[in-house]
Amino acid sequence: MDLTDCRDLMQLQAIILMIMFLQCSAKLSTCYSYIGIALRCALRMGLHRSFRDSFTPVEAETRKRCFWVIRKFDIYVGAMLGLPLTLSDDDVDQEFPQEVDDMYITDTDIKSMPIGYVPLQAASNANFKLSKILAKIVKSIYPTKGFRNDEESSPRTYSVSFGIIRQLESDLEAWKEDLPSELKPGGARQPWHPVKQPP
C-alpha cells in the first residue's frame, strides 16, 4: 500500500491501525507522522465534511468514525509532543458518529437500540468531545506566541486570564454532566446484554 496515495476507507483504516500500534509502542514521533498522513488523506476524501445523502448508513458511519479517531489522535499526540494543532474546528462540519452499536447499522437504515443500553460508541463520542476540550486547553493555556519583554534577550512570557480558566473548567464540568450515568465516575454499572442481531 502506498501510504501517500490512500484513496479509500479500507486503506485509511489500515493506517489508523498503524497509528494505534505506534502510540501503544510509545513511538510518538513516528506516530505523529502517520497521523499527518492519515489526516491529509481523510481531508482529501472529504471525511471532515457532512454529506448526508451521498452514502449508505454503513459508509456514512464509517467515514465519521475514521475522521473523529484521526482527529482525536492528532489532538492528543500533538499535545503530548508540544506541537501545534493541524486542523481548526472552523474547517470541520462532520457530525459525531451515531451512538449505535455496529450490529444495528445496515446498508439501508439504522435500527433502534434497546432502551437503557449504552452503546460503546457513546463512550467513544464522549472521548472525542473531551479531546476537543483538550485542543482548547492547549490553544488557550499553552499558546505558541508569548509576549516579548522589553529586553530582547529575555525569554517570552505569557499570561492566561482567570476568565479563560473558568470557561475551561465550565466546559469540563458540562462534559462530565453530559455523560450517561453509566459512564460517570461511580455511576451505576450497565447491565450485560448478550450480543445478538436486532429484530
Protein backbone atom coordinates (compact mmCIF):
# COMPACT_ATOMS: atom_id res chain seq x y z
CA MET A 1 0.00 0.00 0.00
CA ASP A 2 1.28 3.45 -0.93
CA LEU A 3 0.72 5.49 2.22
CA THR A 4 0.94 8.75 0.32
CA ASP A 5 -1.81 7.74 -2.12
CA CYS A 6 -4.54 6.46 0.23
CA ARG A 7 -7.88 6.76 -1.56
CA ASP A 8 -10.39 4.52 0.20
CA LEU A 9 -11.66 3.77 3.69
CA MET A 10 -10.04 0.34 3.92
CA GLN A 11 -6.58 1.79 3.31
CA LEU A 12 -7.29 4.60 5.75
CA GLN A 13 -8.38 2.12 8.41
CA ALA A 14 -5.10 0.24 7.90
CA ILE A 15 -3.18 3.48 8.57
CA ILE A 16 -5.30 4.08 11.69
CA LEU A 17 -4.31 0.63 12.97
CA MET A 18 -0.64 1.52 12.36
CA ILE A 19 -1.17 4.74 14.34
CA MET A 20 -2.72 2.81 17.23
CA PHE A 21 0.21 0.37 17.26
CA LEU A 22 2.78 3.18 17.22
CA GLN A 23 1.00 5.05 20.01
CA CYS A 24 0.82 1.93 22.17
CA SER A 25 4.53 1.32 21.42
CA ALA A 26 5.33 4.86 22.69
CA LYS A 27 6.84 5.79 19.30
CA LEU A 28 5.09 9.15 19.33
CA SER A 29 7.27 10.96 16.79
CA THR A 30 6.68 8.28 14.15
CA CYS A 31 3.05 8.08 15.23
CA TYR A 32 2.65 11.82 14.68
CA SER A 33 3.99 11.47 11.12
CA TYR A 34 1.46 8.75 10.33
CA ILE A 35 -1.31 10.85 11.86
CA GLY A 36 -0.37 13.64 9.45
CA ILE A 37 -0.64 11.25 6.51
CA ALA A 38 -3.98 9.88 7.73
CA LEU A 39 -5.40 13.35 8.38
CA ARG A 40 -4.50 14.63 4.94
CA CYS A 41 -5.92 11.50 3.31
CA ALA A 42 -9.13 11.98 5.31
CA LEU A 43 -9.35 15.61 4.21
CA ARG A 44 -8.74 14.65 0.60
CA MET A 45 -11.56 12.10 0.86
CA GLY A 46 -13.85 14.75 2.38
CA LEU A 47 -14.29 12.96 5.70
CA HIS A 48 -14.27 16.29 7.55
CA ARG A 49 -17.47 17.32 5.73
CA SER A 50 -21.03 16.14 6.35
CA PHE A 51 -22.62 14.67 3.21
CA ARG A 52 -25.85 13.13 4.44
CA ASP A 53 -27.41 11.80 1.24
CA SER A 54 -24.37 10.52 -0.62
CA PHE A 55 -23.61 7.34 1.34
CA THR A 56 -25.28 4.30 2.84
CA PRO A 57 -25.60 4.31 6.66
CA VAL A 58 -22.64 1.91 6.96
CA GLU A 59 -20.42 4.10 4.75
CA ALA A 60 -21.54 7.31 6.45
CA GLU A 61 -20.88 5.99 9.95
CA THR A 62 -17.53 4.50 8.93
CA ARG A 63 -16.48 7.86 7.48
CA LYS A 64 -17.47 9.65 10.69
CA ARG A 65 -15.69 7.17 12.92
CA CYS A 66 -12.49 7.24 10.87
CA PHE A 67 -12.39 11.02 10.81
CA TRP A 68 -13.01 11.52 14.52
CA VAL A 69 -10.49 8.83 15.53
CA ILE A 70 -7.82 10.54 13.41
CA ARG A 71 -8.81 13.96 14.78
CA LYS A 72 -8.57 12.69 18.35
CA PHE A 73 -5.12 11.18 17.71
CA ASP A 74 -3.96 14.44 16.13
CA ILE A 75 -5.02 16.47 19.17
CA TYR A 76 -3.76 14.01 21.78
CA VAL A 77 -0.37 13.14 20.26
CA GLY A 78 0.22 16.78 19.26
CA ALA A 79 -0.43 17.84 22.86
CA MET A 80 1.93 15.14 24.17
CA LEU A 81 4.70 16.33 21.85
CA GLY A 82 4.01 20.05 22.36
CA LEU A 83 3.22 20.54 18.67
CA PRO A 84 0.52 22.81 17.22
CA LEU A 85 -2.89 21.58 16.15
CA THR A 86 -3.13 20.64 12.49
CA LEU A 87 -6.82 21.29 11.85
CA SER A 88 -9.14 24.02 13.09
CA ASP A 89 -12.70 23.33 14.26
CA ASP A 90 -13.81 26.00 11.79
CA ASP A 91 -12.81 23.67 8.95
CA VAL A 92 -14.94 20.77 10.19
CA ASP A 93 -18.69 20.25 9.91
CA GLN A 94 -18.68 16.46 10.22
CA GLU A 95 -21.08 15.16 12.87
CA PHE A 96 -20.10 12.74 15.61
CA PRO A 97 -20.92 9.10 14.85
CA GLN A 98 -24.38 7.96 15.92
CA GLU A 99 -24.38 6.25 19.29
CA VAL A 100 -25.40 2.84 17.98
CA ASP A 101 -23.57 -0.48 18.09
CA ASP A 102 -22.37 -1.89 14.76
CA MET A 103 -24.97 -4.66 14.57
CA TYR A 104 -27.78 -2.08 14.45
CA ILE A 105 -26.39 -0.35 11.36
CA THR A 106 -27.32 -1.80 7.96
CA ASP A 107 -26.88 -0.70 4.37
CA THR A 108 -30.43 0.66 4.37
CA ASP A 109 -31.05 2.12 7.83
CA ILE A 110 -30.02 2.42 11.46
CA LYS A 111 -32.17 0.44 13.88
CA SER A 112 -33.10 1.49 17.41
CA MET A 113 -31.03 0.28 20.35
CA PRO A 114 -32.61 -1.45 23.38
CA ILE A 115 -33.90 1.05 25.96
CA GLY A 116 -31.46 1.62 28.80
CA TYR A 117 -28.46 0.17 26.95
CA VAL A 118 -25.45 2.45 26.46
CA PRO A 119 -23.56 1.57 23.25
CA LEU A 120 -19.78 1.55 23.03
CA GLN A 121 -19.94 4.47 20.62
CA ALA A 122 -21.33 6.67 23.42
CA ALA A 123 -18.04 6.28 25.31
CA SER A 124 -16.09 6.93 22.12
CA ASN A 125 -18.08 10.10 21.38
CA ALA A 126 -17.51 11.30 24.96
CA ASN A 127 -13.79 10.80 24.37
CA PHE A 128 -13.99 12.78 21.10
CA LYS A 129 -15.69 15.65 22.94
CA LEU A 130 -13.04 15.54 25.66
CA SER A 131 -10.29 15.76 23.03
CA LYS A 132 -11.93 18.93 21.66
CA ILE A 133 -11.69 20.44 25.16
CA LEU A 134 -8.03 19.36 25.27
CA ALA A 135 -7.47 21.20 21.98
CA LYS A 136 -8.99 24.34 23.50
CA ILE A 137 -6.80 23.96 26.60
CA VAL A 138 -3.64 23.60 24.52
CA LYS A 139 -4.52 26.66 22.45
CA SER A 140 -5.54 28.82 25.44
CA ILE A 141 -3.15 27.76 28.19
CA TYR A 142 -0.06 26.92 26.14
CA PRO A 143 -0.02 29.40 23.24
CA THR A 144 2.77 29.24 20.69
CA LYS A 145 3.26 33.01 20.74
CA GLY A 146 4.14 34.62 24.04
CA PHE A 147 4.74 38.24 25.00
CA ARG A 148 8.22 39.62 24.45
CA ASN A 149 9.65 41.60 27.36
CA ASP A 150 11.45 44.92 26.83
CA GLU A 151 14.81 43.20 26.69
CA GLU A 152 15.33 41.19 23.52
CA SER A 153 17.45 38.61 25.34
CA SER A 154 14.76 37.81 27.91
CA PRO A 155 12.55 34.79 27.27
CA ARG A 156 8.99 35.19 26.06
CA THR A 157 6.29 35.05 28.72
CA TYR A 158 2.54 34.76 28.59
CA SER A 159 -0.40 35.12 30.90
CA VAL A 160 -3.80 33.45 30.93
CA SER A 161 -6.86 35.28 32.17
CA PHE A 162 -8.84 33.84 35.04
CA GLY A 163 -11.94 34.03 32.80
CA ILE A 164 -10.39 31.56 30.34
CA ILE A 165 -9.56 29.16 33.17
CA ARG A 166 -13.14 29.38 34.47
CA GLN A 167 -14.52 28.79 30.96
CA LEU A 168 -12.38 25.67 30.52
CA GLU A 169 -13.46 24.41 33.92
CA SER A 170 -17.06 25.05 32.91
CA ASP A 171 -16.54 23.11 29.65
CA LEU A 172 -15.14 20.16 31.58
CA GLU A 173 -17.99 20.24 34.09
CA ALA A 174 -20.58 20.40 31.28
CA TRP A 175 -18.84 17.46 29.57
CA LYS A 176 -18.99 15.42 32.78
CA GLU A 177 -22.66 16.27 33.36
CA ASP A 178 -23.50 15.27 29.77
CA LEU A 179 -22.10 11.75 30.24
CA PRO A 180 -24.59 8.88 30.51
CA SER A 181 -24.90 7.80 34.15
CA GLU A 182 -23.13 4.52 33.35
CA LEU A 183 -20.04 6.43 32.21
CA LYS A 184 -19.86 8.88 35.10
CA PRO A 185 -17.32 8.17 37.86
CA GLY A 186 -19.05 6.00 40.44
CA GLY A 187 -22.11 5.60 38.18
CA ALA A 188 -24.32 2.54 38.02
CA ARG A 189 -22.92 -0.40 36.07
CA GLN A 190 -24.63 -1.17 32.82
CA PRO A 191 -26.49 -4.49 32.72
CA TRP A 192 -24.89 -7.11 30.48
CA HIS A 193 -26.61 -7.63 27.15
CA PRO A 194 -25.82 -10.69 25.02
CA VAL A 195 -24.67 -9.83 21.53
CA LYS A 196 -27.45 -10.65 19.13
CA GLN A 197 -28.78 -9.40 15.85
CA PRO A 198 -31.54 -6.77 16.10
CA PRO A 199 -35.03 -7.87 15.01
